[in-house]
Amino acid sequence: MKKSFAVVGLGRFGTNVALTLMESGAQVLAIDSDPECVKRISSRVTCAVTVNVCETESLKEAGLENMDGVVVAMGDNLEASAMTIITAKELGVPYILAKSNNDEAAKILSKIGADKVIYPEKDAGINVARKLLCSNFLEFFEISDNVNVAEISVRPEWVGKTLKELDFRRSYNMNIILVKEDGRSIEHITPELQLKESYRLLVTISNEGLKRMMQ
C-alpha cells in the first residue's frame, strides 16, 4: 500500500520534497495559501489545494488526518508552521517533519509536536564542510542527533586490508551496511573481506566517529 504525505508550504524546499515523494511512489497532498504555488504543482502530485494554513478548520478539511506523515515546509512563517503541527497532532498524524530557519523556532516546533526539525541550508553547509574535510565522503546525511549514514570511497591506506584488520567499529565507531563495486552490492560481507580501491562503503557513523575520520 502506498504511503501518503501532506506537504504544507510550496516554496522551493516544499516543492522539491513533494515531487521527490511522488517520484518515489508515494501519494502526495500539496498545500499552500498561494493559489499560484498550488497551480504550478497541481498536475505533478496526487492532489493540490489552496488553504489558509493559519486556520485549523481549513487544514482539517484539506485531509491531513489521512496522512502517514506531514512535512511542514514554511520555515519563514512560525505561526503557520506551529498551527499546522498542532492540527496534525490533533488529527493523529503519526510523523511530522518541520523546516526551521533558526534554533529558537526549532525549539518551539519541537515542543509543540514536531518529530523532526531540519535546517536545510544549515544541513547543506555542514555536509559540504564535512565532504571538504574528509575527501572520501561521497554522500552524507544525518538520521538522528548522533547517527549519520554516509557513502565513502576506500582510502589508500585501507586498500588490501581486511575489515577485521581495519576494525572500523573500534577505530571510527562506524558500521558497514553495504559494500558496492561498480554500482553492484558485494554479497557475503565477512571480516576477511579485503578492500579494493574500487569499492564504495555504505556506513553508519557517529558524530565522534566523524571527528576521528576528519583528523
N, C-alpha and C. Protein backbone atom coordinates (compact mmCIF):
# COMPACT_ATOMS: atom_id res chain seq x y z
N MET A 1 0.84 -1.19 0.00
CA MET A 1 0.00 0.00 0.00
C MET A 1 0.88 1.25 0.00
N LYS A 2 0.56 2.20 -0.88
CA LYS A 2 1.35 3.42 -0.97
C LYS A 2 1.20 4.27 0.29
N LYS A 3 2.29 4.86 0.71
CA LYS A 3 2.23 5.80 1.83
C LYS A 3 1.75 7.15 1.32
N SER A 4 1.13 7.89 2.21
CA SER A 4 0.61 9.20 1.82
C SER A 4 1.19 10.29 2.72
N PHE A 5 1.54 11.41 2.09
CA PHE A 5 2.15 12.53 2.81
C PHE A 5 1.50 13.84 2.39
N ALA A 6 1.40 14.74 3.33
CA ALA A 6 0.98 16.11 3.01
C ALA A 6 2.20 16.99 3.13
N VAL A 7 2.39 17.85 2.16
CA VAL A 7 3.46 18.85 2.21
C VAL A 7 2.80 20.21 2.27
N VAL A 8 3.01 20.91 3.39
CA VAL A 8 2.36 22.20 3.61
C VAL A 8 3.40 23.30 3.46
N GLY A 9 3.22 24.10 2.43
CA GLY A 9 4.21 25.14 2.11
C GLY A 9 4.94 24.74 0.84
N LEU A 10 4.67 25.43 -0.26
CA LEU A 10 5.20 25.03 -1.56
C LEU A 10 6.23 26.00 -2.12
N GLY A 11 7.15 26.40 -1.25
CA GLY A 11 8.31 27.14 -1.72
C GLY A 11 9.24 26.16 -2.41
N ARG A 12 10.49 26.55 -2.62
CA ARG A 12 11.44 25.67 -3.30
C ARG A 12 11.64 24.37 -2.54
N PHE A 13 11.82 24.45 -1.23
CA PHE A 13 12.05 23.27 -0.42
C PHE A 13 10.82 22.34 -0.45
N GLY A 14 9.65 22.89 -0.13
CA GLY A 14 8.44 22.08 -0.09
C GLY A 14 8.11 21.45 -1.43
N THR A 15 8.29 22.20 -2.50
CA THR A 15 8.02 21.67 -3.84
C THR A 15 8.94 20.50 -4.16
N ASN A 16 10.23 20.65 -3.84
CA ASN A 16 11.17 19.56 -4.11
C ASN A 16 10.85 18.32 -3.28
N VAL A 17 10.44 18.52 -2.04
CA VAL A 17 10.06 17.38 -1.20
C VAL A 17 8.84 16.67 -1.80
N ALA A 18 7.83 17.45 -2.18
CA ALA A 18 6.61 16.88 -2.73
C ALA A 18 6.89 16.09 -4.01
N LEU A 19 7.66 16.65 -4.90
CA LEU A 19 7.95 15.98 -6.17
C LEU A 19 8.80 14.74 -5.98
N THR A 20 9.74 14.80 -5.04
CA THR A 20 10.58 13.63 -4.77
C THR A 20 9.76 12.50 -4.16
N LEU A 21 8.84 12.84 -3.27
CA LEU A 21 7.95 11.82 -2.70
C LEU A 21 7.10 11.18 -3.79
N MET A 22 6.60 11.97 -4.71
CA MET A 22 5.82 11.44 -5.83
C MET A 22 6.66 10.50 -6.68
N GLU A 23 7.87 10.92 -7.01
CA GLU A 23 8.77 10.11 -7.83
C GLU A 23 9.12 8.79 -7.15
N SER A 24 9.03 8.79 -5.81
CA SER A 24 9.35 7.58 -5.05
C SER A 24 8.14 6.68 -4.87
N GLY A 25 7.00 7.08 -5.42
CA GLY A 25 5.82 6.22 -5.39
C GLY A 25 4.81 6.53 -4.31
N ALA A 26 4.99 7.61 -3.57
CA ALA A 26 4.04 7.96 -2.51
C ALA A 26 2.88 8.77 -3.09
N GLN A 27 1.80 8.85 -2.33
CA GLN A 27 0.70 9.74 -2.65
C GLN A 27 0.95 11.06 -1.93
N VAL A 28 0.80 12.17 -2.62
CA VAL A 28 1.18 13.47 -2.05
C VAL A 28 0.03 14.47 -2.15
N LEU A 29 -0.29 15.05 -1.00
CA LEU A 29 -1.23 16.16 -0.91
C LEU A 29 -0.41 17.43 -0.72
N ALA A 30 -0.43 18.33 -1.69
CA ALA A 30 0.34 19.57 -1.62
C ALA A 30 -0.57 20.72 -1.22
N ILE A 31 -0.14 21.49 -0.22
CA ILE A 31 -0.98 22.56 0.33
C ILE A 31 -0.21 23.87 0.42
N ASP A 32 -0.86 24.95 0.02
CA ASP A 32 -0.26 26.27 0.19
C ASP A 32 -1.39 27.30 0.18
N SER A 33 -1.12 28.46 0.78
CA SER A 33 -2.13 29.53 0.79
C SER A 33 -2.08 30.38 -0.47
N ASP A 34 -1.03 30.18 -1.28
CA ASP A 34 -0.86 30.93 -2.51
C ASP A 34 -1.38 30.10 -3.70
N PRO A 35 -2.46 30.53 -4.36
CA PRO A 35 -3.03 29.77 -5.48
C PRO A 35 -2.03 29.52 -6.61
N GLU A 36 -1.09 30.45 -6.82
CA GLU A 36 -0.13 30.28 -7.90
C GLU A 36 0.83 29.12 -7.62
N CYS A 37 1.23 29.00 -6.36
CA CYS A 37 2.10 27.89 -5.97
C CYS A 37 1.38 26.56 -6.16
N VAL A 38 0.12 26.53 -5.78
CA VAL A 38 -0.68 25.32 -5.92
C VAL A 38 -0.86 24.97 -7.40
N LYS A 39 -1.13 25.98 -8.22
CA LYS A 39 -1.34 25.76 -9.65
C LYS A 39 -0.10 25.17 -10.31
N ARG A 40 1.08 25.64 -9.91
CA ARG A 40 2.33 25.19 -10.53
C ARG A 40 2.59 23.70 -10.31
N ILE A 41 2.10 23.17 -9.19
CA ILE A 41 2.42 21.79 -8.84
C ILE A 41 1.24 20.84 -9.02
N SER A 42 0.08 21.37 -9.27
CA SER A 42 -1.16 20.56 -9.26
C SER A 42 -1.13 19.35 -10.18
N SER A 43 -0.52 19.46 -11.35
CA SER A 43 -0.51 18.36 -12.29
C SER A 43 0.57 17.33 -11.99
N ARG A 44 1.38 17.60 -10.98
CA ARG A 44 2.54 16.72 -10.71
C ARG A 44 2.44 15.98 -9.38
N VAL A 45 1.35 16.19 -8.64
CA VAL A 45 1.14 15.49 -7.37
C VAL A 45 -0.25 14.88 -7.36
N THR A 46 -0.53 14.07 -6.35
CA THR A 46 -1.83 13.41 -6.26
C THR A 46 -2.96 14.41 -6.15
N CYS A 47 -2.76 15.41 -5.28
CA CYS A 47 -3.78 16.43 -5.07
C CYS A 47 -3.10 17.70 -4.56
N ALA A 48 -3.57 18.84 -5.03
CA ALA A 48 -3.02 20.13 -4.58
C ALA A 48 -4.17 21.07 -4.27
N VAL A 49 -4.12 21.69 -3.09
CA VAL A 49 -5.23 22.55 -2.68
C VAL A 49 -4.72 23.85 -2.09
N THR A 50 -5.52 24.89 -2.28
CA THR A 50 -5.22 26.20 -1.69
C THR A 50 -5.96 26.30 -0.36
N VAL A 51 -5.21 26.52 0.71
CA VAL A 51 -5.77 26.52 2.06
C VAL A 51 -5.13 27.63 2.87
N ASN A 52 -5.91 28.29 3.70
CA ASN A 52 -5.35 29.24 4.66
C ASN A 52 -4.72 28.41 5.78
N VAL A 53 -3.40 28.31 5.77
CA VAL A 53 -2.71 27.39 6.69
C VAL A 53 -2.73 27.88 8.14
N CYS A 54 -3.24 29.07 8.37
CA CYS A 54 -3.36 29.57 9.74
C CYS A 54 -4.73 29.27 10.34
N GLU A 55 -5.60 28.61 9.57
CA GLU A 55 -6.93 28.26 10.06
C GLU A 55 -7.03 26.76 10.29
N THR A 56 -7.27 26.37 11.53
CA THR A 56 -7.32 24.96 11.91
C THR A 56 -8.34 24.19 11.09
N GLU A 57 -9.55 24.72 10.99
CA GLU A 57 -10.61 24.01 10.29
C GLU A 57 -10.28 23.80 8.82
N SER A 58 -9.65 24.80 8.22
CA SER A 58 -9.28 24.66 6.81
C SER A 58 -8.26 23.55 6.61
N LEU A 59 -7.31 23.46 7.54
CA LEU A 59 -6.30 22.40 7.46
C LEU A 59 -6.95 21.03 7.65
N LYS A 60 -7.89 20.95 8.58
CA LYS A 60 -8.57 19.68 8.81
C LYS A 60 -9.35 19.25 7.58
N GLU A 61 -10.03 20.20 6.96
CA GLU A 61 -10.83 19.90 5.78
C GLU A 61 -9.96 19.48 4.59
N ALA A 62 -8.71 19.89 4.61
CA ALA A 62 -7.81 19.53 3.50
C ALA A 62 -7.48 18.05 3.48
N GLY A 63 -7.66 17.36 4.63
CA GLY A 63 -7.44 15.92 4.66
C GLY A 63 -6.18 15.45 5.35
N LEU A 64 -5.64 16.24 6.28
CA LEU A 64 -4.41 15.84 6.97
C LEU A 64 -4.56 14.55 7.77
N GLU A 65 -5.75 14.29 8.29
CA GLU A 65 -5.93 13.14 9.16
C GLU A 65 -5.67 11.81 8.47
N ASN A 66 -5.68 11.78 7.16
CA ASN A 66 -5.47 10.54 6.42
C ASN A 66 -4.01 10.29 6.05
N MET A 67 -3.14 11.17 6.48
CA MET A 67 -1.74 11.10 6.06
C MET A 67 -0.88 10.22 6.96
N ASP A 68 0.12 9.58 6.36
CA ASP A 68 1.13 8.85 7.14
C ASP A 68 2.15 9.82 7.72
N GLY A 69 2.29 10.96 7.09
CA GLY A 69 3.23 11.96 7.58
C GLY A 69 2.92 13.32 7.00
N VAL A 70 3.34 14.36 7.70
CA VAL A 70 3.15 15.73 7.23
C VAL A 70 4.50 16.44 7.25
N VAL A 71 4.81 17.10 6.14
CA VAL A 71 6.03 17.91 6.06
C VAL A 71 5.61 19.37 6.13
N VAL A 72 6.06 20.06 7.18
CA VAL A 72 5.73 21.47 7.37
C VAL A 72 6.90 22.28 6.83
N ALA A 73 6.71 22.84 5.64
CA ALA A 73 7.83 23.43 4.90
C ALA A 73 7.81 24.95 4.86
N MET A 74 7.33 25.57 5.94
CA MET A 74 7.24 27.04 5.98
C MET A 74 8.19 27.59 7.03
N GLY A 75 9.48 27.46 6.78
CA GLY A 75 10.47 27.88 7.77
C GLY A 75 10.42 29.34 8.13
N ASP A 76 9.91 30.18 7.22
CA ASP A 76 9.88 31.63 7.47
C ASP A 76 8.56 32.10 8.08
N ASN A 77 7.65 31.17 8.38
CA ASN A 77 6.35 31.54 8.95
C ASN A 77 6.09 30.67 10.18
N LEU A 78 6.57 31.14 11.33
CA LEU A 78 6.46 30.36 12.55
C LEU A 78 5.01 30.11 12.96
N GLU A 79 4.17 31.12 12.81
CA GLU A 79 2.76 30.97 13.20
C GLU A 79 2.07 29.87 12.39
N ALA A 80 2.25 29.91 11.08
CA ALA A 80 1.63 28.91 10.21
C ALA A 80 2.21 27.53 10.47
N SER A 81 3.51 27.45 10.71
CA SER A 81 4.15 26.17 11.00
C SER A 81 3.60 25.57 12.28
N ALA A 82 3.51 26.41 13.31
CA ALA A 82 3.00 25.95 14.60
C ALA A 82 1.56 25.48 14.49
N MET A 83 0.74 26.23 13.79
CA MET A 83 -0.66 25.87 13.62
C MET A 83 -0.81 24.54 12.89
N THR A 84 0.00 24.34 11.88
CA THR A 84 -0.06 23.09 11.12
C THR A 84 0.36 21.90 11.96
N ILE A 85 1.41 22.07 12.75
CA ILE A 85 1.88 20.98 13.62
C ILE A 85 0.83 20.63 14.66
N ILE A 86 0.27 21.63 15.30
CA ILE A 86 -0.75 21.40 16.32
C ILE A 86 -1.96 20.68 15.72
N THR A 87 -2.39 21.12 14.56
CA THR A 87 -3.53 20.50 13.90
C THR A 87 -3.23 19.05 13.52
N ALA A 88 -2.04 18.82 12.97
CA ALA A 88 -1.66 17.46 12.58
C ALA A 88 -1.60 16.53 13.79
N LYS A 89 -1.10 17.06 14.91
CA LYS A 89 -1.06 16.24 16.15
C LYS A 89 -2.47 15.91 16.61
N GLU A 90 -3.35 16.89 16.58
CA GLU A 90 -4.74 16.68 17.00
C GLU A 90 -5.43 15.61 16.14
N LEU A 91 -5.04 15.56 14.87
CA LEU A 91 -5.66 14.62 13.95
C LEU A 91 -4.99 13.25 13.98
N GLY A 92 -3.95 13.12 14.78
CA GLY A 92 -3.31 11.82 14.95
C GLY A 92 -2.32 11.44 13.88
N VAL A 93 -1.77 12.42 13.16
CA VAL A 93 -0.76 12.11 12.14
C VAL A 93 0.46 11.51 12.84
N PRO A 94 0.92 10.33 12.41
CA PRO A 94 1.99 9.63 13.14
C PRO A 94 3.38 10.25 13.06
N TYR A 95 3.66 11.03 12.01
CA TYR A 95 5.01 11.61 11.89
C TYR A 95 4.93 13.00 11.28
N ILE A 96 5.59 13.95 11.94
CA ILE A 96 5.59 15.34 11.47
C ILE A 96 7.04 15.83 11.37
N LEU A 97 7.41 16.25 10.18
CA LEU A 97 8.74 16.82 9.95
C LEU A 97 8.55 18.30 9.63
N ALA A 98 9.33 19.15 10.28
CA ALA A 98 9.18 20.60 10.09
C ALA A 98 10.50 21.23 9.68
N LYS A 99 10.38 22.24 8.84
CA LYS A 99 11.54 23.04 8.44
C LYS A 99 11.63 24.26 9.33
N SER A 100 12.85 24.60 9.74
CA SER A 100 13.05 25.79 10.55
C SER A 100 14.24 26.58 10.02
N ASN A 101 14.21 27.89 10.26
CA ASN A 101 15.32 28.73 9.83
C ASN A 101 16.28 29.12 10.96
N ASN A 102 15.91 28.80 12.21
CA ASN A 102 16.78 29.16 13.33
C ASN A 102 16.52 28.26 14.53
N ASP A 103 17.45 28.29 15.48
CA ASP A 103 17.38 27.41 16.64
C ASP A 103 16.18 27.71 17.53
N GLU A 104 15.87 28.99 17.70
CA GLU A 104 14.77 29.37 18.59
C GLU A 104 13.45 28.81 18.07
N ALA A 105 13.20 28.97 16.78
CA ALA A 105 11.97 28.44 16.18
C ALA A 105 11.96 26.93 16.25
N ALA A 106 13.10 26.31 16.06
CA ALA A 106 13.19 24.85 16.09
C ALA A 106 12.77 24.30 17.45
N LYS A 107 13.19 24.98 18.52
CA LYS A 107 12.82 24.54 19.86
C LYS A 107 11.31 24.61 20.07
N ILE A 108 10.71 25.66 19.56
CA ILE A 108 9.26 25.83 19.68
C ILE A 108 8.53 24.74 18.91
N LEU A 109 8.96 24.49 17.68
CA LEU A 109 8.30 23.50 16.84
C LEU A 109 8.44 22.10 17.43
N SER A 110 9.58 21.82 18.03
CA SER A 110 9.77 20.51 18.67
C SER A 110 8.86 20.35 19.88
N LYS A 111 8.76 21.41 20.67
CA LYS A 111 7.95 21.34 21.89
C LYS A 111 6.46 21.16 21.59
N ILE A 112 6.00 21.70 20.48
CA ILE A 112 4.56 21.58 20.20
C ILE A 112 4.22 20.35 19.37
N GLY A 113 5.25 19.53 19.06
CA GLY A 113 4.90 18.24 18.46
C GLY A 113 5.65 17.77 17.24
N ALA A 114 6.55 18.56 16.67
CA ALA A 114 7.29 18.09 15.51
C ALA A 114 8.22 16.95 15.91
N ASP A 115 8.16 15.85 15.18
CA ASP A 115 9.03 14.71 15.48
C ASP A 115 10.46 14.95 15.05
N LYS A 116 10.63 15.74 14.00
CA LYS A 116 11.96 16.06 13.49
C LYS A 116 11.94 17.47 12.93
N VAL A 117 12.93 18.28 13.31
CA VAL A 117 13.06 19.63 12.76
C VAL A 117 14.37 19.70 12.00
N ILE A 118 14.32 20.19 10.77
CA ILE A 118 15.52 20.26 9.95
C ILE A 118 15.81 21.70 9.55
N TYR A 119 17.09 21.95 9.23
CA TYR A 119 17.56 23.25 8.77
C TYR A 119 18.23 23.02 7.42
N PRO A 120 17.50 23.06 6.32
CA PRO A 120 18.07 22.71 5.01
C PRO A 120 19.37 23.42 4.67
N GLU A 121 19.41 24.75 4.84
CA GLU A 121 20.62 25.49 4.48
C GLU A 121 21.77 25.14 5.43
N LYS A 122 21.47 25.05 6.71
CA LYS A 122 22.50 24.71 7.69
C LYS A 122 23.02 23.30 7.43
N ASP A 123 22.08 22.35 7.21
CA ASP A 123 22.47 20.96 6.97
C ASP A 123 23.33 20.85 5.71
N ALA A 124 22.94 21.59 4.66
CA ALA A 124 23.71 21.56 3.41
C ALA A 124 25.11 22.10 3.64
N GLY A 125 25.22 23.16 4.41
CA GLY A 125 26.53 23.73 4.71
C GLY A 125 27.41 22.78 5.49
N ILE A 126 26.80 22.10 6.47
CA ILE A 126 27.55 21.13 7.27
C ILE A 126 28.04 19.98 6.40
N ASN A 127 27.16 19.50 5.52
CA ASN A 127 27.54 18.38 4.65
C ASN A 127 28.68 18.76 3.72
N VAL A 128 28.62 19.97 3.16
CA VAL A 128 29.70 20.43 2.28
C VAL A 128 31.02 20.50 3.04
N ALA A 129 30.96 21.04 4.26
CA ALA A 129 32.18 21.16 5.07
C ALA A 129 32.76 19.80 5.38
N ARG A 130 31.89 18.84 5.70
CA ARG A 130 32.36 17.50 6.05
C ARG A 130 32.99 16.81 4.84
N LYS A 131 32.39 17.02 3.67
CA LYS A 131 32.96 16.43 2.46
C LYS A 131 34.32 17.04 2.14
N LEU A 132 34.46 18.36 2.40
CA LEU A 132 35.74 19.00 2.15
C LEU A 132 36.81 18.51 3.13
N LEU A 133 36.41 18.34 4.38
CA LEU A 133 37.36 17.92 5.39
C LEU A 133 37.72 16.45 5.27
N CYS A 134 36.78 15.65 4.79
CA CYS A 134 37.01 14.21 4.66
C CYS A 134 36.73 13.86 3.21
N SER A 135 37.75 13.93 2.37
CA SER A 135 37.58 13.88 0.92
C SER A 135 36.98 12.58 0.40
N ASN A 136 37.01 11.49 1.19
CA ASN A 136 36.46 10.24 0.67
C ASN A 136 34.96 10.09 0.94
N PHE A 137 34.32 11.12 1.53
CA PHE A 137 32.86 11.12 1.69
C PHE A 137 32.22 11.44 0.33
N LEU A 138 31.35 10.55 -0.13
CA LEU A 138 30.66 10.76 -1.39
C LEU A 138 29.26 11.30 -1.16
N GLU A 139 28.56 10.70 -0.22
CA GLU A 139 27.22 11.15 0.17
C GLU A 139 27.14 11.10 1.69
N PHE A 140 26.29 11.98 2.24
CA PHE A 140 26.22 12.05 3.70
C PHE A 140 24.88 12.61 4.11
N PHE A 141 24.22 11.97 5.11
CA PHE A 141 23.03 12.58 5.69
C PHE A 141 22.84 12.09 7.12
N GLU A 142 22.23 12.95 7.90
CA GLU A 142 22.01 12.70 9.32
C GLU A 142 20.66 12.02 9.52
N ILE A 143 20.63 10.94 10.33
CA ILE A 143 19.36 10.27 10.60
C ILE A 143 18.90 10.44 12.05
N SER A 144 19.78 10.92 12.90
CA SER A 144 19.40 11.29 14.26
C SER A 144 20.44 12.26 14.77
N ASP A 145 20.30 12.68 16.03
CA ASP A 145 21.24 13.67 16.59
C ASP A 145 22.67 13.16 16.63
N ASN A 146 22.86 11.82 16.67
CA ASN A 146 24.22 11.30 16.80
C ASN A 146 24.53 10.17 15.83
N VAL A 147 23.64 9.91 14.88
CA VAL A 147 23.89 8.83 13.92
C VAL A 147 23.75 9.37 12.50
N ASN A 148 24.74 9.06 11.68
CA ASN A 148 24.76 9.53 10.30
C ASN A 148 24.95 8.35 9.35
N VAL A 149 24.43 8.49 8.16
CA VAL A 149 24.66 7.49 7.12
C VAL A 149 25.50 8.15 6.04
N ALA A 150 26.53 7.46 5.59
CA ALA A 150 27.42 8.03 4.58
C ALA A 150 27.84 6.97 3.58
N GLU A 151 28.10 7.42 2.36
CA GLU A 151 28.75 6.56 1.37
C GLU A 151 30.16 7.09 1.20
N ILE A 152 31.14 6.24 1.38
CA ILE A 152 32.52 6.69 1.33
C ILE A 152 33.34 5.80 0.39
N SER A 153 34.36 6.41 -0.18
CA SER A 153 35.30 5.65 -1.01
C SER A 153 36.37 5.06 -0.09
N VAL A 154 37.10 4.12 -0.61
CA VAL A 154 38.13 3.44 0.17
C VAL A 154 39.42 4.27 0.18
N ARG A 155 39.89 4.58 1.36
CA ARG A 155 41.13 5.35 1.47
C ARG A 155 42.31 4.50 1.01
N PRO A 156 43.36 5.14 0.48
CA PRO A 156 44.53 4.38 0.00
C PRO A 156 45.12 3.45 1.06
N GLU A 157 45.12 3.91 2.32
CA GLU A 157 45.71 3.09 3.38
C GLU A 157 44.85 1.90 3.77
N TRP A 158 43.61 1.86 3.28
CA TRP A 158 42.73 0.72 3.56
C TRP A 158 42.84 -0.38 2.52
N VAL A 159 43.33 -0.04 1.34
CA VAL A 159 43.36 -0.98 0.22
C VAL A 159 44.19 -2.21 0.59
N GLY A 160 43.62 -3.39 0.33
CA GLY A 160 44.31 -4.65 0.59
C GLY A 160 44.15 -5.18 2.00
N LYS A 161 43.60 -4.35 2.89
CA LYS A 161 43.39 -4.79 4.27
C LYS A 161 41.98 -5.35 4.44
N THR A 162 41.81 -6.23 5.40
CA THR A 162 40.51 -6.83 5.64
C THR A 162 39.70 -5.96 6.61
N LEU A 163 38.40 -6.20 6.62
CA LEU A 163 37.55 -5.47 7.56
C LEU A 163 37.96 -5.78 8.99
N LYS A 164 38.42 -7.01 9.22
CA LYS A 164 38.85 -7.39 10.56
C LYS A 164 40.08 -6.58 10.97
N GLU A 165 41.02 -6.43 10.06
CA GLU A 165 42.24 -5.68 10.35
C GLU A 165 41.92 -4.21 10.60
N LEU A 166 41.04 -3.66 9.81
CA LEU A 166 40.73 -2.24 9.93
C LEU A 166 39.88 -1.92 11.15
N ASP A 167 39.04 -2.87 11.57
CA ASP A 167 38.21 -2.73 12.78
C ASP A 167 37.57 -1.34 12.86
N PHE A 168 36.71 -1.04 11.86
CA PHE A 168 36.09 0.28 11.78
C PHE A 168 35.27 0.63 13.01
N ARG A 169 34.64 -0.38 13.61
CA ARG A 169 33.79 -0.09 14.76
C ARG A 169 34.62 0.50 15.90
N ARG A 170 35.80 -0.04 16.12
CA ARG A 170 36.64 0.47 17.20
C ARG A 170 37.33 1.77 16.79
N SER A 171 37.80 1.83 15.55
CA SER A 171 38.58 2.98 15.10
C SER A 171 37.75 4.23 14.90
N TYR A 172 36.54 4.05 14.32
CA TYR A 172 35.74 5.21 13.95
C TYR A 172 34.30 5.15 14.44
N ASN A 173 33.99 4.16 15.27
CA ASN A 173 32.59 3.96 15.70
C ASN A 173 31.70 3.92 14.46
N MET A 174 32.13 3.12 13.49
CA MET A 174 31.48 3.05 12.18
C MET A 174 31.13 1.60 11.86
N ASN A 175 29.93 1.39 11.34
CA ASN A 175 29.47 0.05 10.98
C ASN A 175 29.20 -0.02 9.48
N ILE A 176 29.64 -1.09 8.85
CA ILE A 176 29.43 -1.29 7.42
C ILE A 176 28.02 -1.84 7.19
N ILE A 177 27.25 -1.14 6.34
CA ILE A 177 25.92 -1.62 5.96
C ILE A 177 26.00 -2.39 4.64
N LEU A 178 26.78 -1.85 3.72
CA LEU A 178 26.82 -2.40 2.37
C LEU A 178 28.16 -2.08 1.73
N VAL A 179 28.65 -3.00 0.90
CA VAL A 179 29.85 -2.76 0.11
C VAL A 179 29.45 -2.88 -1.36
N LYS A 180 29.80 -1.86 -2.16
CA LYS A 180 29.43 -1.86 -3.57
C LYS A 180 30.66 -1.74 -4.46
N GLU A 181 30.54 -2.29 -5.64
CA GLU A 181 31.57 -2.13 -6.67
C GLU A 181 30.87 -1.97 -8.01
N ASP A 182 31.17 -0.89 -8.71
CA ASP A 182 30.52 -0.60 -10.00
C ASP A 182 28.99 -0.61 -9.88
N GLY A 183 28.48 -0.09 -8.75
CA GLY A 183 27.04 0.01 -8.54
C GLY A 183 26.37 -1.27 -8.08
N ARG A 184 27.11 -2.35 -7.95
CA ARG A 184 26.55 -3.63 -7.53
C ARG A 184 26.99 -3.96 -6.10
N SER A 185 26.08 -4.55 -5.35
CA SER A 185 26.39 -4.91 -3.96
C SER A 185 27.27 -6.15 -3.92
N ILE A 186 28.21 -6.14 -3.00
CA ILE A 186 29.06 -7.31 -2.76
C ILE A 186 28.35 -8.22 -1.77
N GLU A 187 28.12 -9.47 -2.16
CA GLU A 187 27.44 -10.39 -1.27
C GLU A 187 28.44 -11.01 -0.28
N HIS A 188 27.89 -11.55 0.79
CA HIS A 188 28.68 -12.27 1.79
C HIS A 188 29.83 -11.43 2.34
N ILE A 189 29.46 -10.30 2.94
CA ILE A 189 30.47 -9.47 3.60
C ILE A 189 30.92 -10.16 4.88
N THR A 190 32.20 -10.46 4.97
CA THR A 190 32.75 -11.14 6.13
C THR A 190 33.92 -10.32 6.67
N PRO A 191 34.37 -10.60 7.89
CA PRO A 191 35.52 -9.89 8.43
C PRO A 191 36.79 -10.07 7.60
N GLU A 192 36.82 -11.11 6.74
CA GLU A 192 38.00 -11.39 5.94
C GLU A 192 37.98 -10.69 4.57
N LEU A 193 36.91 -9.91 4.30
CA LEU A 193 36.82 -9.22 3.02
C LEU A 193 37.94 -8.19 2.90
N GLN A 194 38.72 -8.29 1.82
CA GLN A 194 39.79 -7.33 1.57
C GLN A 194 39.25 -6.17 0.74
N LEU A 195 39.54 -4.97 1.16
CA LEU A 195 39.02 -3.80 0.47
C LEU A 195 39.83 -3.48 -0.78
N LYS A 196 39.09 -3.09 -1.83
CA LYS A 196 39.70 -2.67 -3.08
C LYS A 196 39.49 -1.16 -3.25
N GLU A 197 40.32 -0.55 -4.05
CA GLU A 197 40.18 0.88 -4.31
C GLU A 197 38.84 1.20 -4.97
N SER A 198 38.30 0.25 -5.74
CA SER A 198 37.06 0.47 -6.48
C SER A 198 35.81 0.30 -5.62
N TYR A 199 35.96 -0.15 -4.38
CA TYR A 199 34.80 -0.36 -3.51
C TYR A 199 34.23 0.97 -3.03
N ARG A 200 32.94 0.95 -2.76
CA ARG A 200 32.24 2.05 -2.10
C ARG A 200 31.55 1.47 -0.87
N LEU A 201 31.67 2.13 0.27
CA LEU A 201 31.13 1.61 1.52
C LEU A 201 29.96 2.46 1.99
N LEU A 202 28.84 1.82 2.25
CA LEU A 202 27.70 2.50 2.87
C LEU A 202 27.77 2.18 4.35
N VAL A 203 27.85 3.22 5.18
CA VAL A 203 28.12 3.02 6.60
C VAL A 203 27.20 3.87 7.48
N THR A 204 27.09 3.45 8.73
CA THR A 204 26.56 4.34 9.77
C THR A 204 27.74 4.76 10.62
N ILE A 205 27.73 6.02 11.03
CA ILE A 205 28.86 6.54 11.78
C ILE A 205 28.38 7.60 12.76
N SER A 206 28.92 7.59 13.96
CA SER A 206 28.53 8.55 14.99
C SER A 206 29.24 9.88 14.76
N ASN A 207 28.79 10.91 15.46
CA ASN A 207 29.45 12.22 15.35
C ASN A 207 30.89 12.15 15.82
N GLU A 208 31.15 11.35 16.86
CA GLU A 208 32.51 11.20 17.34
C GLU A 208 33.36 10.51 16.29
N GLY A 209 32.77 9.53 15.61
CA GLY A 209 33.49 8.85 14.53
C GLY A 209 33.83 9.79 13.40
N LEU A 210 32.92 10.72 13.10
CA LEU A 210 33.18 11.72 12.05
C LEU A 210 34.40 12.56 12.39
N LYS A 211 34.48 12.96 13.66
CA LYS A 211 35.63 13.76 14.08
C LYS A 211 36.93 12.99 13.88
N ARG A 212 36.91 11.71 14.20
CA ARG A 212 38.10 10.88 14.03
C ARG A 212 38.46 10.76 12.55
N MET A 213 37.44 10.61 11.70
CA MET A 213 37.68 10.47 10.26
C MET A 213 38.33 11.73 9.69
N MET A 214 38.01 12.86 10.25
CA MET A 214 38.48 14.14 9.71
C MET A 214 39.84 14.55 10.23
N GLN A 215 40.34 13.82 11.20
CA GLN A 215 41.64 14.17 11.77
C GLN A 215 42.78 13.69 10.87
